[in-house]
Amino acid sequence: MQHAVGAAILPFPNEDRVRAVIFVISTDLRLMEPEAHAGRDQKPGSFNRGDRRGDRAFAILEKRKPRVFVRDLHKEKPRTWAGSGVGYRTFITVPIGDQSGAYGLLTLDAPEPGVLTDSDVLLLELIAQMLSVVFASAAKISPSAGGSEGRPRGG
């Protein structure tokens, strides 16, 4: 997973301008915890089911919302987002999942608007698709690693 977040920040020559994070659902389905991150050295927090921020993150994943791209949090705050905005003003969130299950979220954020582009959205979507294959394969080998027994099913 560390390679995946590394690939997400590869287009940025100044790694301190961006942060990529992979959040993975816990086995009890109550948390989405940061599994890997790269770039800006700001520790990501978990998403907890039952609080506003966590419920919104889980809704993005479970509804298989294709993506959320906010160019400037000072100008737009989507209903699908309830984050803190601490340390970033622009972000992209892409669900990691397929018909087998929902596994987590891949995010990319930056403190300055204008840093992220539509090309970054496409890159994150590609990386998320590849990660969903990895998670689905792991679930087939070990059902406790994900898939229908360890992750919520999407529709």
N, C-alpha and C. Protein backbone atom coordinates (compact mmCIF):
# COMPACT_ATOMS: atom_id res chain seq x y z
N MET A 1 0.81 -1.19 0.00
CA MET A 1 0.00 0.00 0.00
C MET A 1 0.85 1.26 0.00
N GLN A 2 2.04 1.14 0.58
CA GLN A 2 2.91 2.30 0.59
C GLN A 2 3.31 2.70 -0.84
N HIS A 3 3.45 1.73 -1.72
CA HIS A 3 3.77 2.04 -3.12
C HIS A 3 2.61 2.79 -3.79
N ALA A 4 1.39 2.44 -3.42
CA ALA A 4 0.22 3.09 -4.02
C ALA A 4 0.16 4.57 -3.64
N VAL A 5 0.37 4.91 -2.37
CA VAL A 5 0.35 6.32 -1.98
C VAL A 5 1.55 7.05 -2.55
N GLY A 6 2.67 6.35 -2.69
CA GLY A 6 3.84 6.94 -3.33
C GLY A 6 3.56 7.29 -4.78
N ALA A 7 2.83 6.41 -5.48
CA ALA A 7 2.46 6.68 -6.87
C ALA A 7 1.52 7.87 -6.98
N ALA A 8 0.65 8.06 -5.98
CA ALA A 8 -0.31 9.17 -6.01
C ALA A 8 0.37 10.53 -5.90
N ILE A 9 1.50 10.59 -5.22
CA ILE A 9 2.19 11.88 -5.08
C ILE A 9 3.33 12.05 -6.08
N LEU A 10 3.58 11.04 -6.89
CA LEU A 10 4.67 11.08 -7.86
C LEU A 10 4.63 12.30 -8.79
N PRO A 11 3.46 12.76 -9.25
CA PRO A 11 3.45 13.93 -10.15
C PRO A 11 3.86 15.25 -9.48
N PHE A 12 4.05 15.26 -8.18
CA PHE A 12 4.32 16.51 -7.46
C PHE A 12 5.78 16.59 -7.05
N PRO A 13 6.53 17.55 -7.61
CA PRO A 13 7.95 17.64 -7.28
C PRO A 13 8.20 18.03 -5.82
N ASN A 14 7.29 18.79 -5.22
CA ASN A 14 7.42 19.17 -3.81
C ASN A 14 6.43 18.35 -3.00
N GLU A 15 6.92 17.27 -2.41
CA GLU A 15 6.03 16.37 -1.67
C GLU A 15 5.34 17.03 -0.49
N ASP A 16 5.90 18.13 0.02
CA ASP A 16 5.28 18.80 1.16
C ASP A 16 4.03 19.56 0.76
N ARG A 17 3.73 19.60 -0.54
CA ARG A 17 2.52 20.30 -1.01
C ARG A 17 1.30 19.39 -1.04
N VAL A 18 1.48 18.07 -0.93
CA VAL A 18 0.37 17.13 -1.02
C VAL A 18 0.51 16.04 0.04
N ARG A 19 -0.60 15.34 0.25
CA ARG A 19 -0.60 14.16 1.13
C ARG A 19 -1.56 13.15 0.54
N ALA A 20 -1.10 11.93 0.37
CA ALA A 20 -1.95 10.83 -0.08
C ALA A 20 -2.13 9.86 1.08
N VAL A 21 -3.37 9.37 1.25
CA VAL A 21 -3.67 8.47 2.35
C VAL A 21 -4.58 7.35 1.87
N ILE A 22 -4.30 6.14 2.31
CA ILE A 22 -5.21 5.01 2.10
C ILE A 22 -5.84 4.71 3.45
N PHE A 23 -7.17 4.78 3.50
CA PHE A 23 -7.94 4.42 4.69
C PHE A 23 -8.56 3.05 4.44
N VAL A 24 -8.45 2.15 5.41
CA VAL A 24 -8.96 0.79 5.27
C VAL A 24 -9.97 0.52 6.39
N ILE A 25 -11.06 -0.14 6.03
CA ILE A 25 -12.11 -0.47 7.01
C ILE A 25 -11.61 -1.54 7.97
N SER A 26 -11.86 -1.33 9.25
CA SER A 26 -11.48 -2.30 10.28
C SER A 26 -12.37 -3.54 10.18
N THR A 27 -11.93 -4.63 10.76
CA THR A 27 -12.68 -5.88 10.69
C THR A 27 -14.04 -5.78 11.38
N ASP A 28 -14.18 -4.89 12.36
CA ASP A 28 -15.48 -4.73 13.02
C ASP A 28 -16.39 -3.74 12.28
N LEU A 29 -15.89 -3.18 11.17
CA LEU A 29 -16.65 -2.28 10.29
C LEU A 29 -17.05 -0.96 10.96
N ARG A 30 -16.39 -0.61 12.06
CA ARG A 30 -16.73 0.62 12.79
C ARG A 30 -15.77 1.77 12.48
N LEU A 31 -14.58 1.45 11.96
CA LEU A 31 -13.55 2.46 11.71
C LEU A 31 -13.02 2.33 10.30
N MET A 32 -12.54 3.44 9.78
CA MET A 32 -11.74 3.43 8.58
C MET A 32 -10.43 4.09 9.01
N GLU A 33 -9.39 3.28 9.08
CA GLU A 33 -8.13 3.74 9.64
C GLU A 33 -7.09 3.98 8.57
N PRO A 34 -6.20 4.98 8.78
CA PRO A 34 -5.14 5.22 7.81
C PRO A 34 -4.16 4.04 7.82
N GLU A 35 -3.99 3.42 6.68
CA GLU A 35 -3.10 2.27 6.55
C GLU A 35 -1.75 2.68 5.99
N ALA A 36 -1.73 3.67 5.12
CA ALA A 36 -0.47 4.16 4.53
C ALA A 36 -0.67 5.62 4.14
N HIS A 37 0.38 6.39 4.24
CA HIS A 37 0.33 7.77 3.73
C HIS A 37 1.71 8.20 3.27
N ALA A 38 1.70 9.17 2.36
CA ALA A 38 2.95 9.70 1.80
C ALA A 38 2.76 11.18 1.53
N GLY A 39 3.87 11.88 1.45
CA GLY A 39 3.82 13.30 1.16
C GLY A 39 3.92 14.13 2.42
N ARG A 40 3.09 15.15 2.49
CA ARG A 40 3.10 16.09 3.62
C ARG A 40 3.05 15.32 4.94
N ASP A 41 3.89 15.72 5.85
CA ASP A 41 4.01 14.99 7.11
C ASP A 41 2.98 15.49 8.12
N GLN A 42 1.74 15.16 7.85
CA GLN A 42 0.64 15.47 8.76
C GLN A 42 -0.11 14.17 8.97
N LYS A 43 -0.12 13.68 10.20
CA LYS A 43 -0.71 12.38 10.48
C LYS A 43 -2.23 12.41 10.24
N PRO A 44 -2.72 11.50 9.40
CA PRO A 44 -4.17 11.44 9.16
C PRO A 44 -4.89 10.77 10.33
N GLY A 45 -6.13 11.18 10.57
CA GLY A 45 -6.95 10.57 11.60
C GLY A 45 -7.88 9.52 11.03
N SER A 46 -8.45 8.72 11.90
CA SER A 46 -9.40 7.67 11.49
C SER A 46 -10.78 8.27 11.27
N PHE A 47 -11.61 7.54 10.53
CA PHE A 47 -13.03 7.86 10.39
C PHE A 47 -13.80 6.89 11.27
N ASN A 48 -14.64 7.41 12.15
CA ASN A 48 -15.41 6.58 13.07
C ASN A 48 -16.88 6.58 12.68
N ARG A 49 -17.44 5.40 12.51
CA ARG A 49 -18.87 5.30 12.27
C ARG A 49 -19.59 5.84 13.49
N GLY A 50 -20.62 6.62 13.28
CA GLY A 50 -21.38 7.15 14.41
C GLY A 50 -21.10 8.62 14.67
N ASP A 51 -20.00 9.16 14.11
CA ASP A 51 -19.84 10.61 14.20
C ASP A 51 -20.02 11.18 12.79
N ARG A 52 -20.29 12.46 12.72
CA ARG A 52 -20.66 13.10 11.45
C ARG A 52 -19.58 12.90 10.38
N ARG A 53 -18.33 13.16 10.73
CA ARG A 53 -17.23 13.02 9.78
C ARG A 53 -17.12 11.58 9.29
N GLY A 54 -17.14 10.64 10.20
CA GLY A 54 -17.03 9.23 9.84
C GLY A 54 -18.21 8.74 9.01
N ASP A 55 -19.42 9.14 9.40
CA ASP A 55 -20.61 8.71 8.65
C ASP A 55 -20.57 9.20 7.21
N ARG A 56 -20.08 10.41 7.01
CA ARG A 56 -19.99 10.93 5.64
C ARG A 56 -18.94 10.16 4.83
N ALA A 57 -17.82 9.84 5.45
CA ALA A 57 -16.78 9.06 4.76
C ALA A 57 -17.29 7.67 4.39
N PHE A 58 -17.98 7.01 5.32
CA PHE A 58 -18.53 5.69 5.04
C PHE A 58 -19.61 5.77 3.96
N ALA A 59 -20.37 6.86 3.93
CA ALA A 59 -21.41 7.02 2.90
C ALA A 59 -20.79 7.11 1.51
N ILE A 60 -19.69 7.82 1.39
CA ILE A 60 -18.99 7.90 0.09
C ILE A 60 -18.60 6.50 -0.36
N LEU A 61 -18.06 5.74 0.55
CA LEU A 61 -17.61 4.39 0.22
C LEU A 61 -18.78 3.46 -0.10
N GLU A 62 -19.78 3.45 0.73
CA GLU A 62 -20.88 2.50 0.57
C GLU A 62 -21.77 2.81 -0.62
N LYS A 63 -21.89 4.09 -0.97
CA LYS A 63 -22.70 4.46 -2.14
C LYS A 63 -21.89 4.38 -3.42
N ARG A 64 -20.61 4.06 -3.28
CA ARG A 64 -19.69 3.98 -4.42
C ARG A 64 -19.70 5.28 -5.23
N LYS A 65 -19.81 6.38 -4.48
CA LYS A 65 -19.72 7.68 -5.13
C LYS A 65 -18.43 7.67 -5.95
N PRO A 66 -18.50 8.01 -7.21
CA PRO A 66 -17.31 7.86 -8.03
C PRO A 66 -16.09 8.59 -7.48
N ARG A 67 -16.33 9.79 -6.96
CA ARG A 67 -15.23 10.56 -6.39
C ARG A 67 -15.79 11.86 -5.80
N VAL A 68 -15.01 12.46 -4.97
CA VAL A 68 -15.30 13.80 -4.48
C VAL A 68 -14.05 14.62 -4.75
N PHE A 69 -14.19 15.70 -5.50
CA PHE A 69 -13.07 16.60 -5.79
C PHE A 69 -13.50 18.00 -5.41
N VAL A 70 -12.86 18.55 -4.41
CA VAL A 70 -13.13 19.92 -3.97
C VAL A 70 -11.89 20.75 -4.27
N ARG A 71 -12.08 21.73 -5.12
CA ARG A 71 -10.95 22.56 -5.56
C ARG A 71 -10.53 23.59 -4.51
N ASP A 72 -11.49 24.08 -3.71
CA ASP A 72 -11.17 25.07 -2.69
C ASP A 72 -12.25 25.02 -1.60
N LEU A 73 -11.87 24.55 -0.43
CA LEU A 73 -12.83 24.44 0.68
C LEU A 73 -13.34 25.80 1.15
N HIS A 74 -12.63 26.87 0.86
CA HIS A 74 -13.14 28.20 1.23
C HIS A 74 -14.28 28.64 0.34
N LYS A 75 -14.42 27.98 -0.84
CA LYS A 75 -15.48 28.35 -1.78
C LYS A 75 -16.58 27.31 -1.89
N GLU A 76 -16.29 26.07 -1.54
CA GLU A 76 -17.31 25.02 -1.63
C GLU A 76 -17.12 24.00 -0.51
N LYS A 77 -18.23 23.55 0.05
CA LYS A 77 -18.21 22.50 1.07
C LYS A 77 -19.32 21.51 0.71
N PRO A 78 -18.95 20.42 0.05
CA PRO A 78 -19.97 19.47 -0.40
C PRO A 78 -20.66 18.77 0.77
N ARG A 79 -21.90 18.38 0.54
CA ARG A 79 -22.66 17.67 1.57
C ARG A 79 -22.05 16.34 1.93
N THR A 80 -21.24 15.78 1.03
CA THR A 80 -20.63 14.47 1.27
C THR A 80 -19.40 14.56 2.16
N TRP A 81 -19.01 15.76 2.54
CA TRP A 81 -17.77 15.97 3.31
C TRP A 81 -18.09 16.59 4.66
N ALA A 82 -17.40 16.11 5.69
CA ALA A 82 -17.54 16.71 7.01
C ALA A 82 -16.18 16.70 7.71
N GLY A 83 -15.12 16.87 6.95
CA GLY A 83 -13.77 16.85 7.50
C GLY A 83 -13.44 18.14 8.23
N SER A 84 -12.25 18.14 8.79
CA SER A 84 -11.81 19.31 9.55
C SER A 84 -11.25 20.40 8.65
N GLY A 85 -10.65 20.03 7.53
CA GLY A 85 -9.99 21.00 6.67
C GLY A 85 -8.68 21.49 7.25
N VAL A 86 -8.25 20.91 8.37
CA VAL A 86 -7.00 21.32 9.00
C VAL A 86 -5.83 20.85 8.15
N GLY A 87 -5.04 21.81 7.68
CA GLY A 87 -3.86 21.48 6.90
C GLY A 87 -4.09 21.35 5.40
N TYR A 88 -5.33 21.45 4.95
CA TYR A 88 -5.60 21.35 3.52
C TYR A 88 -6.80 22.19 3.12
N ARG A 89 -6.79 22.66 1.86
CA ARG A 89 -7.91 23.42 1.31
C ARG A 89 -8.50 22.79 0.07
N THR A 90 -7.80 21.80 -0.48
CA THR A 90 -8.29 21.10 -1.66
C THR A 90 -8.07 19.61 -1.44
N PHE A 91 -9.00 18.79 -1.96
CA PHE A 91 -8.82 17.35 -1.78
C PHE A 91 -9.59 16.57 -2.83
N ILE A 92 -9.16 15.32 -2.99
CA ILE A 92 -9.83 14.33 -3.83
C ILE A 92 -10.00 13.09 -2.97
N THR A 93 -11.19 12.51 -2.99
CA THR A 93 -11.45 11.25 -2.30
C THR A 93 -12.07 10.28 -3.30
N VAL A 94 -11.51 9.07 -3.34
CA VAL A 94 -11.98 8.03 -4.26
C VAL A 94 -12.20 6.75 -3.46
N PRO A 95 -13.37 6.10 -3.61
CA PRO A 95 -13.60 4.84 -2.90
C PRO A 95 -12.75 3.71 -3.48
N ILE A 96 -12.36 2.81 -2.61
CA ILE A 96 -11.67 1.59 -3.01
C ILE A 96 -12.67 0.46 -2.81
N GLY A 97 -13.15 -0.10 -3.90
CA GLY A 97 -14.13 -1.18 -3.80
C GLY A 97 -14.55 -1.66 -5.16
N ASP A 98 -15.24 -2.78 -5.16
CA ASP A 98 -15.78 -3.36 -6.39
C ASP A 98 -17.04 -4.13 -6.03
N GLN A 99 -17.54 -4.95 -6.94
CA GLN A 99 -18.77 -5.69 -6.66
C GLN A 99 -18.57 -6.71 -5.53
N SER A 100 -17.33 -7.05 -5.21
CA SER A 100 -17.06 -8.00 -4.12
C SER A 100 -17.16 -7.37 -2.74
N GLY A 101 -16.88 -6.08 -2.66
CA GLY A 101 -16.93 -5.44 -1.36
C GLY A 101 -16.39 -4.03 -1.39
N ALA A 102 -16.52 -3.35 -0.27
CA ALA A 102 -16.00 -2.00 -0.07
C ALA A 102 -14.85 -2.12 0.91
N TYR A 103 -13.71 -1.52 0.57
CA TYR A 103 -12.50 -1.74 1.35
C TYR A 103 -11.95 -0.49 2.03
N GLY A 104 -12.18 0.68 1.45
CA GLY A 104 -11.63 1.89 2.04
C GLY A 104 -11.68 3.06 1.09
N LEU A 105 -10.90 4.08 1.41
CA LEU A 105 -10.84 5.30 0.61
C LEU A 105 -9.38 5.64 0.31
N LEU A 106 -9.18 6.24 -0.84
CA LEU A 106 -7.89 6.80 -1.21
C LEU A 106 -8.10 8.31 -1.31
N THR A 107 -7.27 9.08 -0.63
CA THR A 107 -7.42 10.53 -0.64
C THR A 107 -6.11 11.21 -1.03
N LEU A 108 -6.25 12.38 -1.59
CA LEU A 108 -5.11 13.24 -1.91
C LEU A 108 -5.54 14.64 -1.51
N ASP A 109 -4.72 15.33 -0.72
CA ASP A 109 -5.08 16.69 -0.32
C ASP A 109 -3.87 17.60 -0.37
N ALA A 110 -4.13 18.89 -0.35
CA ALA A 110 -3.06 19.90 -0.41
C ALA A 110 -3.51 21.15 0.32
N PRO A 111 -2.56 21.89 0.89
CA PRO A 111 -2.91 23.11 1.62
C PRO A 111 -3.30 24.28 0.74
N GLU A 112 -2.90 24.25 -0.53
CA GLU A 112 -3.20 25.38 -1.41
C GLU A 112 -4.13 24.97 -2.53
N PRO A 113 -5.20 25.73 -2.77
CA PRO A 113 -6.06 25.43 -3.91
C PRO A 113 -5.29 25.60 -5.22
N GLY A 114 -5.72 24.85 -6.24
CA GLY A 114 -5.07 24.93 -7.53
C GLY A 114 -3.96 23.92 -7.73
N VAL A 115 -3.55 23.26 -6.66
CA VAL A 115 -2.47 22.27 -6.76
C VAL A 115 -2.98 20.99 -7.42
N LEU A 116 -4.21 20.59 -7.09
CA LEU A 116 -4.78 19.35 -7.63
C LEU A 116 -5.59 19.63 -8.89
N THR A 117 -5.55 18.69 -9.84
CA THR A 117 -6.22 18.88 -11.12
C THR A 117 -7.07 17.66 -11.47
N ASP A 118 -7.79 17.78 -12.58
CA ASP A 118 -8.58 16.65 -13.08
C ASP A 118 -7.70 15.45 -13.41
N SER A 119 -6.48 15.67 -13.83
CA SER A 119 -5.55 14.57 -14.10
C SER A 119 -5.24 13.79 -12.83
N ASP A 120 -5.17 14.49 -11.69
CA ASP A 120 -4.94 13.81 -10.42
C ASP A 120 -6.13 12.94 -10.03
N VAL A 121 -7.33 13.40 -10.37
CA VAL A 121 -8.53 12.60 -10.13
C VAL A 121 -8.42 11.28 -10.89
N LEU A 122 -8.06 11.35 -12.17
CA LEU A 122 -7.93 10.14 -12.98
C LEU A 122 -6.87 9.20 -12.43
N LEU A 123 -5.75 9.75 -11.98
CA LEU A 123 -4.70 8.93 -11.40
C LEU A 123 -5.20 8.23 -10.14
N LEU A 124 -5.89 8.96 -9.26
CA LEU A 124 -6.40 8.34 -8.04
C LEU A 124 -7.43 7.26 -8.34
N GLU A 125 -8.29 7.49 -9.33
CA GLU A 125 -9.27 6.47 -9.70
C GLU A 125 -8.58 5.21 -10.19
N LEU A 126 -7.52 5.35 -10.96
CA LEU A 126 -6.77 4.19 -11.45
C LEU A 126 -6.12 3.44 -10.29
N ILE A 127 -5.47 4.17 -9.40
CA ILE A 127 -4.82 3.53 -8.24
C ILE A 127 -5.86 2.83 -7.37
N ALA A 128 -7.01 3.46 -7.15
CA ALA A 128 -8.08 2.85 -6.34
C ALA A 128 -8.59 1.57 -6.99
N GLN A 129 -8.73 1.56 -8.31
CA GLN A 129 -9.16 0.34 -9.00
C GLN A 129 -8.14 -0.77 -8.82
N MET A 130 -6.87 -0.44 -8.92
CA MET A 130 -5.83 -1.46 -8.72
C MET A 130 -5.84 -1.96 -7.27
N LEU A 131 -6.03 -1.05 -6.32
CA LEU A 131 -6.11 -1.47 -4.92
C LEU A 131 -7.31 -2.38 -4.66
N SER A 132 -8.43 -2.11 -5.33
CA SER A 132 -9.61 -2.97 -5.12
C SER A 132 -9.33 -4.39 -5.60
N VAL A 133 -8.53 -4.55 -6.66
CA VAL A 133 -8.15 -5.88 -7.12
C VAL A 133 -7.29 -6.57 -6.05
N VAL A 134 -6.36 -5.84 -5.47
CA VAL A 134 -5.50 -6.39 -4.43
C VAL A 134 -6.34 -6.83 -3.22
N PHE A 135 -7.26 -5.96 -2.78
CA PHE A 135 -8.11 -6.30 -1.63
C PHE A 135 -9.01 -7.50 -1.94
N ALA A 136 -9.61 -7.52 -3.11
CA ALA A 136 -10.48 -8.64 -3.48
C ALA A 136 -9.70 -9.94 -3.55
N SER A 137 -8.49 -9.90 -4.08
CA SER A 137 -7.65 -11.11 -4.14
C SER A 137 -7.28 -11.58 -2.75
N ALA A 138 -6.94 -10.65 -1.88
CA ALA A 138 -6.60 -11.00 -0.50
C ALA A 138 -7.80 -11.61 0.21
N ALA A 139 -8.99 -11.10 -0.08
CA ALA A 139 -10.21 -11.63 0.56
C ALA A 139 -10.49 -13.06 0.12
N LYS A 140 -10.17 -13.38 -1.13
CA LYS A 140 -10.38 -14.75 -1.61
C LYS A 140 -9.41 -15.72 -0.94
N ILE A 141 -8.20 -15.24 -0.68
CA ILE A 141 -7.19 -16.09 -0.03
C ILE A 141 -7.51 -16.24 1.45
N SER A 142 -7.89 -15.13 2.08
CA SER A 142 -8.19 -15.12 3.51
C SER A 142 -9.46 -14.32 3.73
N PRO A 143 -10.61 -14.99 3.91
CA PRO A 143 -11.87 -14.25 4.05
C PRO A 143 -11.86 -13.19 5.15
N SER A 144 -11.04 -13.36 6.19
CA SER A 144 -11.00 -12.35 7.25
C SER A 144 -10.29 -11.09 6.80
N ALA A 145 -9.62 -11.13 5.63
CA ALA A 145 -8.91 -9.95 5.13
C ALA A 145 -9.82 -8.99 4.38
N GLY A 146 -11.05 -9.37 4.13
CA GLY A 146 -11.94 -8.45 3.42
C GLY A 146 -13.01 -9.20 2.68
N GLY A 147 -13.60 -8.55 1.69
CA GLY A 147 -14.65 -9.18 0.91
C GLY A 147 -15.93 -9.34 1.69
N SER A 148 -16.69 -10.34 1.36
CA SER A 148 -18.04 -10.47 1.92
C SER A 148 -18.06 -10.74 3.41
N GLU A 149 -16.99 -11.31 3.97
CA GLU A 149 -17.02 -11.59 5.40
C GLU A 149 -16.42 -10.48 6.24
N GLY A 150 -15.54 -9.66 5.64
CA GLY A 150 -14.86 -8.66 6.45
C GLY A 150 -15.15 -7.22 6.06
N ARG A 151 -15.92 -7.00 5.01
CA ARG A 151 -16.18 -5.65 4.55
C ARG A 151 -17.64 -5.52 4.19
N PRO A 152 -18.19 -4.30 4.29
CA PRO A 152 -19.58 -4.12 3.89
C PRO A 152 -19.76 -4.34 2.40
N ARG A 153 -20.87 -4.83 2.01
CA ARG A 153 -21.17 -5.04 0.59
C ARG A 153 -21.76 -3.76 0.02
N GLY A 154 -21.43 -3.46 -1.18
CA GLY A 154 -21.94 -2.25 -1.82
C GLY A 154 -22.98 -2.59 -2.85
N GLY A 155 -23.67 -1.57 -3.32
CA GLY A 155 -24.68 -1.85 -4.31
C GLY A 155 -24.78 -0.87 -5.39
